[in-house]
Amino acid sequence: MLEDLLFEADERPIRRPTRIVVDLSKVKFFDSTLISALVHGHLKTQREGDGALAVVVDSPECFAARVLKSCGVTSVIPTFTTRTSAVAALAGDAATPPSS
């Protein structure tokens, strides 16, 4: 479902600035399709405007965080443990560091 939304969004122009927070805190499993969608969404927000994408995970040790880190996604897309910190970071609050 998330993959469909992100790929569908690729067909529409991005309104500037675009801030996207993807909450994976309750996700217990995902595959490379989600990773591809996240990277694709991140690249589109960067390419087409002053946008950003962030991911929320349950903890730095959870499945989602481990997979994203092992694939190198966390070096490109910031990862947080709360939606509040992700939203604050995308809004430009430099006092909220990523949790990855």
Foldseek 3Di string as FASTA:
>chain_A
DLLVVLVVCVVPADDPQEEEEAECAPPQDDDVSVVVSQVSSQVRNVVRYDYAYAYEYQACPGPVNVVCVVVVNCVRHAYAPDPVLSVCVRVPNPVRHGRD
